[in-house]
């Protein structure tokens, strides 16, 4: 996916699925550099067909000192949001605790 910035934490994959009409499940897999835990703040922006943002999901997690961590999150969205979404972007920052 080309989601590999420089730094101690790398986003390996991002997957999304609609569970119900307005419930979205996001599953983001991160890899942490060995040696320390990392706090990760991530933001997922759903885009409509024209590329305009229609919803933003934010969360903060701590990746423990291990190879990989997958975070799953279910979130309710305004009615019709999922049907309008055609793509997404994922951005994140990492900072020591």
N, C-alpha and C. Protein backbone atom coordinates (compact mmCIF):
# COMPACT_ATOMS: atom_id res chain seq x y z
N UNK A 1 0.80 -1.19 0.00
CA UNK A 1 0.00 0.00 0.00
C UNK A 1 0.85 1.26 0.00
N UNK A 2 2.13 1.15 0.22
CA UNK A 2 2.98 2.32 0.26
C UNK A 2 2.82 3.12 1.54
N UNK A 3 2.45 2.47 2.64
CA UNK A 3 2.24 3.18 3.89
C UNK A 3 3.41 2.91 4.83
N UNK A 4 4.60 3.30 4.43
CA UNK A 4 5.79 2.97 5.22
C UNK A 4 6.66 4.21 5.45
N UNK A 5 6.27 5.07 6.39
CA UNK A 5 7.11 6.23 6.68
C UNK A 5 8.34 5.85 7.50
N UNK A 6 9.27 6.76 7.56
CA UNK A 6 10.45 6.53 8.40
C UNK A 6 10.02 6.62 9.86
N UNK A 7 10.70 5.88 10.73
CA UNK A 7 10.40 6.02 12.14
C UNK A 7 10.26 4.68 12.84
N UNK A 8 9.97 4.74 14.14
CA UNK A 8 9.93 3.52 14.94
C UNK A 8 8.68 2.67 14.73
N UNK A 9 7.63 3.24 14.13
CA UNK A 9 6.40 2.49 13.91
C UNK A 9 6.02 2.54 12.43
N UNK A 10 5.64 1.39 11.89
CA UNK A 10 5.25 1.30 10.49
C UNK A 10 3.83 0.75 10.39
N UNK A 11 3.00 1.34 9.56
CA UNK A 11 1.68 0.81 9.29
C UNK A 11 1.81 -0.23 8.19
N UNK A 12 1.53 -1.50 8.53
CA UNK A 12 1.70 -2.59 7.57
C UNK A 12 0.48 -2.77 6.68
N UNK A 13 -0.71 -2.63 7.25
CA UNK A 13 -1.92 -2.82 6.45
C UNK A 13 -3.10 -2.11 7.09
N UNK A 14 -4.08 -1.82 6.29
CA UNK A 14 -5.33 -1.22 6.76
C UNK A 14 -6.47 -1.87 6.01
N UNK A 15 -7.44 -2.39 6.75
CA UNK A 15 -8.59 -3.03 6.14
C UNK A 15 -9.85 -2.50 6.79
N UNK A 16 -10.90 -2.38 5.99
CA UNK A 16 -12.17 -1.87 6.48
C UNK A 16 -13.30 -2.72 5.95
N UNK A 17 -14.31 -2.95 6.78
CA UNK A 17 -15.49 -3.64 6.29
C UNK A 17 -16.73 -3.09 6.98
N UNK A 18 -17.81 -3.09 6.24
CA UNK A 18 -19.09 -2.63 6.75
C UNK A 18 -19.80 -3.81 7.40
N UNK A 19 -20.07 -3.70 8.70
CA UNK A 19 -20.73 -4.79 9.41
C UNK A 19 -22.25 -4.67 9.30
N UNK A 20 -22.74 -3.45 9.44
CA UNK A 20 -24.16 -3.15 9.31
C UNK A 20 -24.26 -1.92 8.43
N UNK A 21 -25.45 -1.39 8.30
CA UNK A 21 -25.65 -0.25 7.41
C UNK A 21 -24.71 0.91 7.74
N UNK A 22 -24.56 1.25 9.00
CA UNK A 22 -23.75 2.40 9.39
C UNK A 22 -22.69 2.05 10.42
N UNK A 23 -22.24 0.79 10.44
CA UNK A 23 -21.19 0.38 11.37
C UNK A 23 -19.98 -0.09 10.57
N UNK A 24 -18.86 0.54 10.83
CA UNK A 24 -17.62 0.23 10.12
C UNK A 24 -16.63 -0.40 11.08
N UNK A 25 -15.98 -1.47 10.63
CA UNK A 25 -14.90 -2.06 11.41
C UNK A 25 -13.59 -1.77 10.71
N UNK A 26 -12.66 -1.19 11.44
CA UNK A 26 -11.34 -0.93 10.88
C UNK A 26 -10.34 -1.85 11.58
N UNK A 27 -9.41 -2.38 10.81
CA UNK A 27 -8.35 -3.23 11.36
C UNK A 27 -7.02 -2.71 10.80
N UNK A 28 -6.23 -2.12 11.67
CA UNK A 28 -4.94 -1.56 11.27
C UNK A 28 -3.83 -2.38 11.92
N UNK A 29 -2.87 -2.78 11.12
CA UNK A 29 -1.75 -3.56 11.63
C UNK A 29 -0.48 -2.71 11.60
N UNK A 30 0.13 -2.59 12.77
CA UNK A 30 1.36 -1.81 12.91
C UNK A 30 2.52 -2.72 13.26
N UNK A 31 3.71 -2.27 12.94
CA UNK A 31 4.92 -2.96 13.39
C UNK A 31 5.77 -1.94 14.12
N UNK A 32 6.25 -2.35 15.30
CA UNK A 32 7.03 -1.46 16.16
C UNK A 32 8.50 -1.86 16.11
N UNK A 33 9.36 -0.86 16.08
CA UNK A 33 10.79 -1.15 16.17
C UNK A 33 11.07 -1.77 17.54
N UNK A 34 11.95 -2.73 17.55
CA UNK A 34 12.25 -3.40 18.81
C UNK A 34 13.00 -2.46 19.75
N UNK A 35 12.71 -2.61 21.03
CA UNK A 35 13.45 -1.83 22.01
C UNK A 35 12.60 -0.94 22.89
N UNK A 36 11.41 -0.57 22.43
CA UNK A 36 10.56 0.27 23.28
C UNK A 36 9.12 0.27 22.79
N UNK A 37 8.22 0.56 23.74
CA UNK A 37 6.82 0.70 23.39
C UNK A 37 6.62 2.03 22.69
N UNK A 38 5.58 2.11 21.86
CA UNK A 38 5.31 3.35 21.14
C UNK A 38 3.83 3.69 21.23
N UNK A 39 3.54 4.96 21.50
CA UNK A 39 2.16 5.44 21.44
C UNK A 39 1.90 5.86 19.99
N UNK A 40 0.80 5.38 19.43
CA UNK A 40 0.47 5.67 18.05
C UNK A 40 -0.87 6.39 18.01
N UNK A 41 -0.91 7.53 17.35
CA UNK A 41 -2.15 8.24 17.11
C UNK A 41 -2.45 8.09 15.62
N UNK A 42 -3.59 7.47 15.32
CA UNK A 42 -3.88 7.27 13.90
C UNK A 42 -5.21 7.92 13.53
N UNK A 43 -5.30 8.28 12.28
CA UNK A 43 -6.49 8.93 11.75
C UNK A 43 -6.84 8.30 10.41
N UNK A 44 -8.08 7.85 10.30
CA UNK A 44 -8.57 7.26 9.06
C UNK A 44 -9.61 8.20 8.49
N UNK A 45 -9.45 8.60 7.24
CA UNK A 45 -10.42 9.49 6.59
C UNK A 45 -11.07 8.75 5.43
N UNK A 46 -12.39 8.63 5.49
CA UNK A 46 -13.14 8.02 4.39
C UNK A 46 -13.40 9.08 3.33
N UNK A 47 -13.27 8.69 2.08
CA UNK A 47 -13.43 9.63 0.97
C UNK A 47 -14.59 9.22 0.09
N UNK A 48 -15.27 10.20 -0.49
CA UNK A 48 -16.32 9.88 -1.45
C UNK A 48 -15.71 9.65 -2.82
N UNK A 49 -16.55 9.45 -3.81
CA UNK A 49 -16.06 9.11 -5.15
C UNK A 49 -15.18 10.22 -5.73
N UNK A 50 -15.46 11.46 -5.34
CA UNK A 50 -14.69 12.60 -5.86
C UNK A 50 -13.41 12.84 -5.05
N UNK A 51 -13.22 12.07 -3.99
CA UNK A 51 -12.02 12.24 -3.18
C UNK A 51 -12.19 13.22 -2.03
N UNK A 52 -13.42 13.68 -1.79
CA UNK A 52 -13.68 14.61 -0.69
C UNK A 52 -13.90 13.82 0.60
N UNK A 53 -13.36 14.30 1.74
CA UNK A 53 -13.54 13.59 3.01
C UNK A 53 -14.99 13.63 3.47
N UNK A 54 -15.49 12.49 3.95
CA UNK A 54 -16.87 12.45 4.45
C UNK A 54 -16.94 12.00 5.91
N UNK A 55 -15.89 11.39 6.43
CA UNK A 55 -15.87 11.00 7.85
C UNK A 55 -14.42 10.75 8.26
N UNK A 56 -14.12 11.06 9.51
CA UNK A 56 -12.77 10.84 10.04
C UNK A 56 -12.87 10.07 11.34
N UNK A 57 -12.07 9.02 11.46
CA UNK A 57 -12.00 8.22 12.67
C UNK A 57 -10.62 8.42 13.28
N UNK A 58 -10.57 8.74 14.57
CA UNK A 58 -9.28 8.93 15.23
C UNK A 58 -9.21 8.03 16.45
N UNK A 59 -8.01 7.58 16.78
CA UNK A 59 -7.80 6.78 17.97
C UNK A 59 -6.33 6.82 18.36
N UNK A 60 -6.06 6.42 19.59
CA UNK A 60 -4.67 6.35 20.06
C UNK A 60 -4.47 5.00 20.73
N UNK A 61 -3.41 4.33 20.38
CA UNK A 61 -3.09 3.02 20.95
C UNK A 61 -1.62 2.99 21.30
N UNK A 62 -1.27 2.07 22.18
CA UNK A 62 0.14 1.85 22.52
C UNK A 62 0.56 0.50 21.98
N UNK A 63 1.60 0.49 21.19
CA UNK A 63 2.17 -0.76 20.68
C UNK A 63 3.27 -1.18 21.64
N UNK A 64 3.11 -2.36 22.20
CA UNK A 64 4.12 -2.86 23.11
C UNK A 64 5.35 -3.31 22.34
N UNK A 65 6.40 -3.54 23.07
CA UNK A 65 7.66 -3.95 22.44
C UNK A 65 7.52 -5.37 21.89
N UNK A 66 7.02 -5.46 20.68
CA UNK A 66 6.89 -6.73 19.99
C UNK A 66 6.83 -6.44 18.51
N UNK A 67 6.81 -7.47 17.72
CA UNK A 67 6.89 -7.26 16.28
C UNK A 67 5.67 -6.57 15.69
N UNK A 68 4.47 -7.08 16.00
CA UNK A 68 3.28 -6.56 15.33
C UNK A 68 2.13 -6.39 16.31
N UNK A 69 1.24 -5.49 15.99
CA UNK A 69 0.02 -5.29 16.76
C UNK A 69 -1.09 -4.94 15.80
N UNK A 70 -2.24 -5.58 15.96
CA UNK A 70 -3.39 -5.26 15.12
C UNK A 70 -4.47 -4.65 16.00
N UNK A 71 -4.98 -3.50 15.60
CA UNK A 71 -6.03 -2.83 16.34
C UNK A 71 -7.31 -2.89 15.54
N UNK A 72 -8.34 -3.44 16.15
CA UNK A 72 -9.65 -3.46 15.49
C UNK A 72 -10.56 -2.50 16.25
N UNK A 73 -11.35 -1.79 15.49
CA UNK A 73 -12.27 -0.85 16.10
C UNK A 73 -13.56 -0.80 15.30
N UNK A 74 -14.67 -0.88 16.02
CA UNK A 74 -15.98 -0.72 15.39
C UNK A 74 -16.49 0.67 15.72
N UNK A 75 -17.05 1.33 14.74
CA UNK A 75 -17.56 2.68 14.97
C UNK A 75 -18.82 2.92 14.18
N UNK A 76 -19.79 3.53 14.85
CA UNK A 76 -21.03 3.93 14.17
C UNK A 76 -20.76 5.23 13.42
N UNK A 77 -21.32 5.34 12.23
CA UNK A 77 -21.14 6.52 11.39
C UNK A 77 -22.50 7.11 11.05
N UNK A 78 -22.55 8.37 10.64
CA UNK A 78 -23.82 8.97 10.23
C UNK A 78 -24.47 8.15 9.11
N UNK A 79 -25.80 8.09 9.11
CA UNK A 79 -26.49 7.30 8.08
C UNK A 79 -26.04 7.66 6.67
N UNK A 80 -25.78 6.64 5.87
CA UNK A 80 -25.40 6.85 4.48
C UNK A 80 -23.92 7.05 4.23
N UNK A 81 -23.12 7.22 5.29
CA UNK A 81 -21.69 7.50 5.12
C UNK A 81 -20.97 6.35 4.42
N UNK A 82 -21.22 5.12 4.88
CA UNK A 82 -20.52 3.97 4.31
C UNK A 82 -20.86 3.79 2.84
N UNK A 83 -22.13 4.00 2.50
CA UNK A 83 -22.53 3.84 1.11
C UNK A 83 -21.86 4.87 0.21
N UNK A 84 -21.57 6.04 0.76
CA UNK A 84 -20.94 7.10 -0.03
C UNK A 84 -19.43 6.91 -0.15
N UNK A 85 -18.82 6.23 0.82
CA UNK A 85 -17.37 6.10 0.84
C UNK A 85 -16.89 5.22 -0.31
N UNK A 86 -15.85 5.66 -1.00
CA UNK A 86 -15.29 4.89 -2.11
C UNK A 86 -13.81 4.55 -1.87
N UNK A 87 -13.16 5.30 -1.02
CA UNK A 87 -11.75 5.05 -0.73
C UNK A 87 -11.43 5.66 0.63
N UNK A 88 -10.18 5.55 1.04
CA UNK A 88 -9.79 6.07 2.34
C UNK A 88 -8.31 6.44 2.33
N UNK A 89 -7.93 7.23 3.31
CA UNK A 89 -6.53 7.51 3.55
C UNK A 89 -6.26 7.21 5.02
N UNK A 90 -5.04 6.82 5.35
CA UNK A 90 -4.65 6.57 6.72
C UNK A 90 -3.39 7.37 7.01
N UNK A 91 -3.41 8.12 8.10
CA UNK A 91 -2.20 8.83 8.52
C UNK A 91 -2.00 8.56 10.00
N UNK A 92 -0.77 8.62 10.46
CA UNK A 92 -0.52 8.41 11.87
C UNK A 92 0.80 9.06 12.28
N UNK A 93 0.89 9.29 13.58
CA UNK A 93 2.13 9.78 14.16
C UNK A 93 2.48 8.87 15.32
N UNK A 94 3.72 8.76 15.62
CA UNK A 94 4.15 7.97 16.77
C UNK A 94 5.02 8.85 17.65
N UNK A 95 4.86 8.64 18.96
CA UNK A 95 5.64 9.44 19.90
C UNK A 95 5.93 8.57 21.12
N UNK A 96 7.09 8.72 21.71
CA UNK A 96 7.39 7.95 22.92
C UNK A 96 6.42 8.31 24.03
N UNK A 97 6.13 7.37 24.89
CA UNK A 97 5.26 7.64 26.04
C UNK A 97 5.94 8.60 26.98
